[in-house]
Amino acid sequence: MALRRTLRLKTREQRELEYYRDHDARPYVRERCGALLKIAQGEPPYAVARLGLLKPRDPDTVYGWLQVYEEEGVAGLVTHQHGGKRRRSL
């Protein structure tokens, strides 16, 4: 059986995620920080992806956010914007 992914945060890290969740102007940053805070509170990432956000997400997406945060911190969440329409050059 696979191990369940968890996230352990220091007080400073939790406050930083809470700040970005509550104050950042970019919705994708607020969503990612909120998801990570839920995982840190003990919710399984799969459940957060399916039921814990305003819009259901693919669990692999949330696991990706978790991986980026573990490797790069909040800076990684802010700089790795994914998805959206591709711009075509004329």
PDB file of N, CA and C in Angstrom:
ATOM      1  N   MET A   1       0.840  -1.182   0.000  1.00  0.00           N
ATOM      2  CA  MET A   1       0.000   0.000   0.000  1.00  0.00           C
ATOM      3  C   MET A   1       0.887   1.248   0.000  1.00  0.00           C
ATOM      4  N   ALA A   2       0.496   2.222  -0.766  1.00  0.00           N
ATOM      5  CA  ALA A   2       1.273   3.449  -0.887  1.00  0.00           C
ATOM      6  C   ALA A   2       1.110   4.309   0.364  1.00  0.00           C
ATOM      7  N   LEU A   3       2.146   5.044   0.681  1.00  0.00           N
ATOM      8  CA  LEU A   3       2.085   5.961   1.810  1.00  0.00           C
ATOM      9  C   LEU A   3       1.297   7.207   1.431  1.00  0.00           C
ATOM     10  N   ARG A   4       0.534   7.711   2.380  1.00  0.00           N
ATOM     11  CA  ARG A   4      -0.236   8.931   2.142  1.00  0.00           C
ATOM     12  C   ARG A   4       0.686  10.138   2.245  1.00  0.00           C
ATOM     13  N   ARG A   5       0.606  11.028   1.275  1.00  0.00           N
ATOM     14  CA  ARG A   5       1.429  12.239   1.277  1.00  0.00           C
ATOM     15  C   ARG A   5       0.902  13.205   2.323  1.00  0.00           C
ATOM     16  N   THR A   6       1.793  13.757   3.086  1.00  0.00           N
ATOM     17  CA  THR A   6       1.453  14.751   4.101  1.00  0.00           C
ATOM     18  C   THR A   6       2.379  15.938   3.956  1.00  0.00           C
ATOM     19  N   LEU A   7       2.084  16.969   4.717  1.00  0.00           N
ATOM     20  CA  LEU A   7       2.909  18.172   4.706  1.00  0.00           C
ATOM     21  C   LEU A   7       3.028  18.669   6.132  1.00  0.00           C
ATOM     22  N   ARG A   8       4.243  18.793   6.595  1.00  0.00           N
ATOM     23  CA  ARG A   8       4.493  19.333   7.930  1.00  0.00           C
ATOM     24  C   ARG A   8       5.076  20.728   7.767  1.00  0.00           C
ATOM     25  N   LEU A   9       4.430  21.691   8.416  1.00  0.00           N
ATOM     26  CA  LEU A   9       4.847  23.086   8.282  1.00  0.00           C
ATOM     27  C   LEU A   9       5.359  23.630   9.607  1.00  0.00           C
ATOM     28  N   LYS A  10       6.397  24.442   9.510  1.00  0.00           N
ATOM     29  CA  LYS A  10       6.830  25.214  10.666  1.00  0.00           C
ATOM     30  C   LYS A  10       5.891  26.406  10.788  1.00  0.00           C
ATOM     31  N   THR A  11       5.884  27.050  11.926  1.00  0.00           N
ATOM     32  CA  THR A  11       4.985  28.180  12.154  1.00  0.00           C
ATOM     33  C   THR A  11       5.185  29.264  11.108  1.00  0.00           C
ATOM     34  N   ARG A  12       6.429  29.571  10.789  1.00  0.00           N
ATOM     35  CA  ARG A  12       6.726  30.602   9.793  1.00  0.00           C
ATOM     36  C   ARG A  12       6.178  30.216   8.425  1.00  0.00           C
ATOM     37  N   GLU A  13       6.322  28.952   8.045  1.00  0.00           N
ATOM     38  CA  GLU A  13       5.825  28.491   6.750  1.00  0.00           C
ATOM     39  C   GLU A  13       4.292  28.552   6.695  1.00  0.00           C
ATOM     40  N   GLN A  14       3.648  28.171   7.789  1.00  0.00           N
ATOM     41  CA  GLN A  14       2.190  28.224   7.826  1.00  0.00           C
ATOM     42  C   GLN A  14       1.698  29.660   7.702  1.00  0.00           C
ATOM     43  N   ARG A  15       2.320  30.564   8.430  1.00  0.00           N
ATOM     44  CA  ARG A  15       1.908  31.977   8.350  1.00  0.00           C
ATOM     45  C   ARG A  15       2.131  32.542   6.952  1.00  0.00           C
ATOM     46  N   GLU A  16       3.216  32.135   6.305  1.00  0.00           N
ATOM     47  CA  GLU A  16       3.488  32.609   4.953  1.00  0.00           C
ATOM     48  C   GLU A  16       2.404  32.112   3.987  1.00  0.00           C
ATOM     49  N   LEU A  17       2.047  30.833   4.077  1.00  0.00           N
ATOM     50  CA  LEU A  17       0.985  30.301   3.223  1.00  0.00           C
ATOM     51  C   LEU A  17      -0.353  30.985   3.510  1.00  0.00           C
ATOM     52  N   GLU A  18      -0.642  31.215   4.784  1.00  0.00           N
ATOM     53  CA  GLU A  18      -1.887  31.895   5.156  1.00  0.00           C
ATOM     54  C   GLU A  18      -1.917  33.321   4.591  1.00  0.00           C
ATOM     55  N   TYR A  19      -0.780  34.004   4.645  1.00  0.00           N
ATOM     56  CA  TYR A  19      -0.719  35.368   4.105  1.00  0.00           C
ATOM     57  C   TYR A  19      -1.028  35.358   2.608  1.00  0.00           C
ATOM     58  N   TYR A  20      -0.357  34.472   1.854  1.00  0.00           N
ATOM     59  CA  TYR A  20      -0.591  34.416   0.417  1.00  0.00           C
ATOM     60  C   TYR A  20      -2.018  33.978   0.107  1.00  0.00           C
ATOM     61  N   ARG A  21      -2.564  33.034   0.878  1.00  0.00           N
ATOM     62  CA  ARG A  21      -3.947  32.593   0.671  1.00  0.00           C
ATOM     63  C   ARG A  21      -4.930  33.744   0.864  1.00  0.00           C
ATOM     64  N   ASP A  22      -4.674  34.605   1.832  1.00  0.00           N
ATOM     65  CA  ASP A  22      -5.612  35.666   2.184  1.00  0.00           C
ATOM     66  C   ASP A  22      -5.390  36.974   1.435  1.00  0.00           C
ATOM     67  N   HIS A  23      -4.183  37.222   0.923  1.00  0.00           N
ATOM     68  CA  HIS A  23      -3.878  38.555   0.399  1.00  0.00           C
ATOM     69  C   HIS A  23      -3.357  38.627  -1.035  1.00  0.00           C
ATOM     70  N   ASP A  24      -2.945  37.532  -1.618  1.00  0.00           N
ATOM     71  CA  ASP A  24      -2.363  37.611  -2.954  1.00  0.00           C
ATOM     72  C   ASP A  24      -3.438  37.956  -3.984  1.00  0.00           C
ATOM     73  N   ALA A  25      -3.073  38.755  -4.957  1.00  0.00           N
ATOM     74  CA  ALA A  25      -4.027  39.201  -5.976  1.00  0.00           C
ATOM     75  C   ALA A  25      -4.328  38.109  -7.001  1.00  0.00           C
ATOM     76  N   ARG A  26      -3.446  37.123  -7.119  1.00  0.00           N
ATOM     77  CA  ARG A  26      -3.621  36.072  -8.128  1.00  0.00           C
ATOM     78  C   ARG A  26      -4.435  34.907  -7.558  1.00  0.00           C
ATOM     79  N   PRO A  27      -5.575  34.610  -8.177  1.00  0.00           N
ATOM     80  CA  PRO A  27      -6.430  33.531  -7.656  1.00  0.00           C
ATOM     81  C   PRO A  27      -5.738  32.173  -7.613  1.00  0.00           C
ATOM     82  N   TYR A  28      -4.884  31.873  -8.596  1.00  0.00           N
ATOM     83  CA  TYR A  28      -4.238  30.566  -8.603  1.00  0.00           C
ATOM     84  C   TYR A  28      -3.286  30.405  -7.419  1.00  0.00           C
ATOM     85  N   VAL A  29      -2.662  31.481  -6.978  1.00  0.00           N
ATOM     86  CA  VAL A  29      -1.778  31.410  -5.809  1.00  0.00           C
ATOM     87  C   VAL A  29      -2.605  31.191  -4.545  1.00  0.00           C
ATOM     88  N   ARG A  30      -3.725  31.902  -4.427  1.00  0.00           N
ATOM     89  CA  ARG A  30      -4.596  31.725  -3.263  1.00  0.00           C
ATOM     90  C   ARG A  30      -5.122  30.293  -3.182  1.00  0.00           C
ATOM     91  N   GLU A  31      -5.517  29.740  -4.327  1.00  0.00           N
ATOM     92  CA  GLU A  31      -6.048  28.375  -4.350  1.00  0.00           C
ATOM     93  C   GLU A  31      -4.983  27.359  -3.945  1.00  0.00           C
ATOM     94  N   ARG A  32      -3.789  27.488  -4.478  1.00  0.00           N
ATOM     95  CA  ARG A  32      -2.716  26.545  -4.176  1.00  0.00           C
ATOM     96  C   ARG A  32      -2.327  26.603  -2.705  1.00  0.00           C
ATOM     97  N   CYS A  33      -2.219  27.803  -2.166  1.00  0.00           N
ATOM     98  CA  CYS A  33      -1.860  27.940  -0.751  1.00  0.00           C
ATOM     99  C   CYS A  33      -2.956  27.369   0.143  1.00  0.00           C
ATOM    100  N   GLY A  34      -4.213  27.613  -0.201  1.00  0.00           N
ATOM    101  CA  GLY A  34      -5.318  27.049   0.568  1.00  0.00           C
ATOM    102  C   GLY A  34      -5.304  25.533   0.550  1.00  0.00           C
ATOM    103  N   ALA A  35      -5.023  24.952  -0.615  1.00  0.00           N
ATOM    104  CA  ALA A  35      -4.955  23.496  -0.719  1.00  0.00           C
ATOM    105  C   ALA A  35      -3.830  22.931   0.150  1.00  0.00           C
ATOM    106  N   LEU A  36      -2.683  23.571   0.124  1.00  0.00           N
ATOM    107  CA  LEU A  36      -1.556  23.086   0.924  1.00  0.00           C
ATOM    108  C   LEU A  36      -1.829  23.210   2.420  1.00  0.00           C
ATOM    109  N   LEU A  37      -2.509  24.255   2.817  1.00  0.00           N
ATOM    110  CA  LEU A  37      -2.858  24.394   4.235  1.00  0.00           C
ATOM    111  C   LEU A  37      -3.811  23.289   4.677  1.00  0.00           C
ATOM    112  N   LYS A  38      -4.734  22.899   3.816  1.00  0.00           N
ATOM    113  CA  LYS A  38      -5.638  21.800   4.149  1.00  0.00           C
ATOM    114  C   LYS A  38      -4.880  20.488   4.278  1.00  0.00           C
ATOM    115  N   ILE A  39      -3.925  20.261   3.390  1.00  0.00           N
ATOM    116  CA  ILE A  39      -3.108  19.053   3.469  1.00  0.00           C
ATOM    117  C   ILE A  39      -2.297  19.054   4.757  1.00  0.00           C
ATOM    118  N   ALA A  40      -1.772  20.216   5.133  1.00  0.00           N
ATOM    119  CA  ALA A  40      -0.991  20.321   6.373  1.00  0.00           C
ATOM    120  C   ALA A  40      -1.857  20.063   7.606  1.00  0.00           C
ATOM    121  N   GLN A  41      -3.164  20.322   7.498  1.00  0.00           N
ATOM    122  CA  GLN A  41      -4.076  20.064   8.614  1.00  0.00           C
ATOM    123  C   GLN A  41      -4.472  18.597   8.701  1.00  0.00           C
ATOM    124  N   GLY A  42      -4.023  17.780   7.755  1.00  0.00           N
ATOM    125  CA  GLY A  42      -4.269  16.349   7.832  1.00  0.00           C
ATOM    126  C   GLY A  42      -5.216  15.790   6.791  1.00  0.00           C
ATOM    127  N   GLU A  43      -5.757  16.619   5.923  1.00  0.00           N
ATOM    128  CA  GLU A  43      -6.645  16.110   4.889  1.00  0.00           C
ATOM    129  C   GLU A  43      -5.817  15.452   3.788  1.00  0.00           C
ATOM    130  N   PRO A  44      -6.295  14.339   3.246  1.00  0.00           N
ATOM    131  CA  PRO A  44      -5.565  13.690   2.151  1.00  0.00           C
ATOM    132  C   PRO A  44      -5.580  14.565   0.888  1.00  0.00           C
ATOM    133  N   PRO A  45      -4.485  14.625   0.162  1.00  0.00           N
ATOM    134  CA  PRO A  45      -4.441  15.437  -1.057  1.00  0.00           C
ATOM    135  C   PRO A  45      -5.529  15.068  -2.063  1.00  0.00           C
ATOM    136  N   TYR A  46      -5.855  13.786  -2.157  1.00  0.00           N
ATOM    137  CA  TYR A  46      -6.906  13.359  -3.090  1.00  0.00           C
ATOM    138  C   TYR A  46      -8.239  14.000  -2.724  1.00  0.00           C
ATOM    139  N   ALA A  47      -8.568  13.992  -1.427  1.00  0.00           N
ATOM    140  CA  ALA A  47      -9.831  14.585  -0.971  1.00  0.00           C
ATOM    141  C   ALA A  47      -9.841  16.097  -1.172  1.00  0.00           C
ATOM    142  N   VAL A  48      -8.699  16.733  -0.950  1.00  0.00           N
ATOM    143  CA  VAL A  48      -8.611  18.187  -1.177  1.00  0.00           C
ATOM    144  C   VAL A  48      -8.859  18.487  -2.644  1.00  0.00           C
ATOM    145  N   ALA A  49      -8.286  17.687  -3.533  1.00  0.00           N
ATOM    146  CA  ALA A  49      -8.453  17.916  -4.965  1.00  0.00           C
ATOM    147  C   ALA A  49      -9.902  17.739  -5.398  1.00  0.00           C
ATOM    148  N   ARG A  50     -10.562  16.726  -4.892  1.00  0.00           N
ATOM    149  CA  ARG A  50     -11.917  16.409  -5.347  1.00  0.00           C
ATOM    150  C   ARG A  50     -12.997  17.219  -4.639  1.00  0.00           C
ATOM    151  N   LEU A  51     -12.823  17.482  -3.339  1.00  0.00           N
ATOM    152  CA  LEU A  51     -13.905  18.083  -2.561  1.00  0.00           C
ATOM    153  C   LEU A  51     -13.523  19.343  -1.795  1.00  0.00           C
ATOM    154  N   GLY A  52     -12.237  19.630  -1.654  1.00  0.00           N
ATOM    155  CA  GLY A  52     -11.806  20.686  -0.751  1.00  0.00           C
ATOM    156  C   GLY A  52     -11.592  22.052  -1.366  1.00  0.00           C
ATOM    157  N   LEU A  53     -11.748  22.169  -2.672  1.00  0.00           N
ATOM    158  CA  LEU A  53     -11.530  23.449  -3.340  1.00  0.00           C
ATOM    159  C   LEU A  53     -12.829  23.920  -3.973  1.00  0.00           C
ATOM    160  N   LEU A  54     -12.870  25.165  -4.400  1.00  0.00           N
ATOM    161  CA  LEU A  54     -14.084  25.682  -5.026  1.00  0.00           C
ATOM    162  C   LEU A  54     -14.443  24.894  -6.288  1.00  0.00           C
ATOM    163  N   LYS A  55     -13.423  24.512  -7.025  1.00  0.00           N
ATOM    164  CA  LYS A  55     -13.618  23.765  -8.265  1.00  0.00           C
ATOM    165  C   LYS A  55     -12.845  22.453  -8.140  1.00  0.00           C
ATOM    166  N   PRO A  56     -13.480  21.305  -8.389  1.00  0.00           N
ATOM    167  CA  PRO A  56     -12.735  20.040  -8.296  1.00  0.00           C
ATOM    168  C   PRO A  56     -11.540  20.032  -9.243  1.00  0.00           C
ATOM    169  N   ARG A  57     -10.446  19.501  -8.764  1.00  0.00           N
ATOM    170  CA  ARG A  57      -9.210  19.432  -9.549  1.00  0.00           C
ATOM    171  C   ARG A  57      -8.793  17.977  -9.720  1.00  0.00           C
ATOM    172  N   ASP A  58      -7.975  17.738 -10.706  1.00  0.00           N
ATOM    173  CA  ASP A  58      -7.360  16.429 -10.875  1.00  0.00           C
ATOM    174  C   ASP A  58      -6.406  16.237  -9.697  1.00  0.00           C
ATOM    175  N   PRO A  59      -6.465  15.109  -9.019  1.00  0.00           N
ATOM    176  CA  PRO A  59      -5.547  14.898  -7.887  1.00  0.00           C
ATOM    177  C   PRO A  59      -4.078  15.068  -8.257  1.00  0.00           C
ATOM    178  N   ASP A  60      -3.708  14.707  -9.491  1.00  0.00           N
ATOM    179  CA  ASP A  60      -2.319  14.879  -9.914  1.00  0.00           C
ATOM    180  C   ASP A  60      -1.904  16.347  -9.889  1.00  0.00           C
ATOM    181  N   THR A  61      -2.844  17.236 -10.127  1.00  0.00           N
ATOM    182  CA  THR A  61      -2.569  18.668 -10.073  1.00  0.00           C
ATOM    183  C   THR A  61      -2.181  19.074  -8.655  1.00  0.00           C
ATOM    184  N   VAL A  62      -2.949  18.630  -7.675  1.00  0.00           N
ATOM    185  CA  VAL A  62      -2.671  18.982  -6.279  1.00  0.00           C
ATOM    186  C   VAL A  62      -1.371  18.335  -5.822  1.00  0.00           C
ATOM    187  N   TYR A  63      -1.138  17.087  -6.238  1.00  0.00           N
ATOM    188  CA  TYR A  63       0.137  16.449  -5.900  1.00  0.00           C
ATOM    189  C   TYR A  63       1.300  17.227  -6.525  1.00  0.00           C
ATOM    190  N   GLY A  64       1.097  17.780  -7.704  1.00  0.00           N
ATOM    191  CA  GLY A  64       2.127  18.610  -8.339  1.00  0.00           C
ATOM    192  C   GLY A  64       2.408  19.867  -7.538  1.00  0.00           C
ATOM    193  N   TRP A  65       1.338  20.520  -7.036  1.00  0.00           N
ATOM    194  CA  TRP A  65       1.529  21.704  -6.192  1.00  0.00           C
ATOM    195  C   TRP A  65       2.322  21.345  -4.945  1.00  0.00           C
ATOM    196  N   LEU A  66       1.998  20.197  -4.365  1.00  0.00           N
ATOM    197  CA  LEU A  66       2.700  19.746  -3.167  1.00  0.00           C
ATOM    198  C   LEU A  66       4.174  19.514  -3.460  1.00  0.00           C
ATOM    199  N   GLN A  67       4.463  18.888  -4.594  1.00  0.00           N
ATOM    200  CA  GLN A  67       5.848  18.626  -4.986  1.00  0.00           C
ATOM    201  C   GLN A  67       6.619  19.932  -5.199  1.00  0.00           C
ATOM    202  N   VAL A  68       6.006  20.869  -5.905  1.00  0.00           N
ATOM    203  CA  VAL A  68       6.668  22.156  -6.164  1.00  0.00           C
ATOM    204  C   VAL A  68       6.929  22.883  -4.854  1.00  0.00           C
ATOM    205  N   TYR A  69       5.944  22.868  -3.936  1.00  0.00           N
ATOM    206  CA  TYR A  69       6.135  23.548  -2.656  1.00  0.00           C
ATOM    207  C   TYR A  69       7.271  22.911  -1.863  1.00  0.00           C
ATOM    208  N   GLU A  70       7.335  21.592  -1.840  1.00  0.00           N
ATOM    209  CA  GLU A  70       8.403  20.917  -1.096  1.00  0.00           C
ATOM    210  C   GLU A  70       9.776  21.214  -1.675  1.00  0.00           C
ATOM    211  N   GLU A  71       9.855  21.405  -2.983  1.00  0.00           N
ATOM    212  CA  GLU A  71      11.142  21.668  -3.627  1.00  0.00           C
ATOM    213  C   GLU A  71      11.536  23.138  -3.622  1.00  0.00           C
ATOM    214  N   GLU A  72      10.544  24.049  -3.813  1.00  0.00           N
ATOM    215  CA  GLU A  72      10.876  25.452  -4.028  1.00  0.00           C
ATOM    216  C   GLU A  72      10.214  26.426  -3.069  1.00  0.00           C
ATOM    217  N   GLY A  73       9.279  25.955  -2.255  1.00  0.00           N
ATOM    218  CA  GLY A  73       8.587  26.844  -1.331  1.00  0.00           C
ATOM    219  C   GLY A  73       7.518  27.661  -2.042  1.00  0.00           C
ATOM    220  N   VAL A  74       7.089  28.739  -1.410  1.00  0.00           N
ATOM    221  CA  VAL A  74       6.030  29.586  -1.956  1.00  0.00           C
ATOM    222  C   VAL A  74       6.467  30.202  -3.284  1.00  0.00           C
ATOM    223  N   ALA A  75       7.733  30.500  -3.427  1.00  0.00           N
ATOM    224  CA  ALA A  75       8.222  31.078  -4.677  1.00  0.00           C
ATOM    225  C   ALA A  75       7.900  30.174  -5.863  1.00  0.00           C
ATOM    226  N   GLY A  76       7.978  28.877  -5.671  1.00  0.00           N
ATOM    227  CA  GLY A  76       7.640  27.942  -6.736  1.00  0.00           C
ATOM    228  C   GLY A  76       6.166  27.982  -7.091  1.00  0.00           C
ATOM    229  N   LEU A  77       5.307  28.126  -6.086  1.00  0.00           N
ATOM    230  CA  LEU A  77       3.868  28.197  -6.338  1.00  0.00           C
ATOM    231  C   LEU A  77       3.512  29.448  -7.131  1.00  0.00           C
ATOM    232  N   VAL A  78       4.220  30.527  -6.871  1.00  0.00           N
ATOM    233  CA  VAL A  78       3.940  31.800  -7.521  1.00  0.00           C
ATOM    234  C   VAL A  78       4.435  31.799  -8.965  1.00  0.00           C
ATOM    235  N   THR A  79       5.595  31.223  -9.222  1.00  0.00           N
ATOM    236  CA  THR A  79       6.193  31.315 -10.555  1.00  0.00           C
ATOM    237  C   THR A  79       5.718  30.242 -11.517  1.00  0.00           C
ATOM    238  N   HIS A  80       5.209  29.131 -11.028  1.00  0.00           N
ATOM    239  CA  HIS A  80       4.782  28.033 -11.902  1.00  0.00           C
ATOM    240  C   HIS A  80       3.300  28.153 -12.218  1.00  0.00           C
ATOM    241  N   GLN A  81       2.968  29.079 -13.099  1.00  0.00           N
ATOM    242  CA  GLN A  81       1.581  29.216 -13.517  1.00  0.00           C
ATOM    243  C   GLN A  81       1.360  28.263 -14.683  1.00  0.00           C
ATOM    244  N   HIS A  82       0.362  27.380 -14.536  1.00  0.00           N
ATOM    245  CA  HIS A  82       0.077  26.391 -15.570  1.00  0.00           C
ATOM    246  C   HIS A  82      -1.317  26.617 -16.126  1.00  0.00           C
ATOM    247  N   GLY A  83      -1.553  26.050 -17.282  1.00  0.00           N
ATOM    248  CA  GLY A  83      -2.888  26.072 -17.864  1.00  0.00           C
ATOM    249  C   GLY A  83      -3.186  27.374 -18.564  1.00  0.00           C
ATOM    250  N   GLY A  84      -4.441  27.536 -18.882  1.00  0.00           N
ATOM    251  CA  GLY A  84      -4.872  28.736 -19.571  1.00  0.00           C
ATOM    252  C   GLY A  84      -4.749  28.599 -21.076  1.00  0.00           C
ATOM    253  N   LYS A  85      -5.287  29.548 -21.785  1.00  0.00           N
ATOM    254  CA  LYS A  85      -5.252  29.533 -23.239  1.00  0.00           C
ATOM    255  C   LYS A  85      -3.851  29.861 -23.733  1.00  0.00           C
ATOM    256  N   ARG A  86      -3.476  29.182 -24.784  1.00  0.00           N
ATOM    257  CA  ARG A  86      -2.197  29.452 -25.420  1.00  0.00           C
ATOM    258  C   ARG A  86      -2.361  30.621 -26.388  1.00  0.00           C
ATOM    259  N   ARG A  87      -1.408  31.496 -26.391  1.00  0.00           N
ATOM    260  CA  ARG A  87      -1.462  32.632 -27.315  1.00  0.00           C
ATOM    261  C   ARG A  87      -0.858  32.212 -28.648  1.00  0.00           C
ATOM    262  N   ARG A  88      -1.545  32.580 -29.676  1.00  0.00           N
ATOM    263  CA  ARG A  88      -1.048  32.295 -31.022  1.00  0.00           C
ATOM    264  C   ARG A  88      -0.372  33.535 -31.568  1.00  0.00           C
ATOM    265  N   SER A  89       0.720  33.321 -32.216  1.00  0.00           N
ATOM    266  CA  SER A  89       1.374  34.462 -32.873  1.00  0.00           C
ATOM    267  C   SER A  89       0.781  34.619 -34.275  1.00  0.00           C
ATOM    268  N   LEU A  90       0.626  35.840 -34.693  1.00  0.00           N
ATOM    269  CA  LEU A  90       0.003  36.120 -35.993  1.00  0.00           C
ATOM    270  C   LEU A  90       0.990  36.105 -37.101  1.00  0.00           C
TER     271      LEU A  90
END
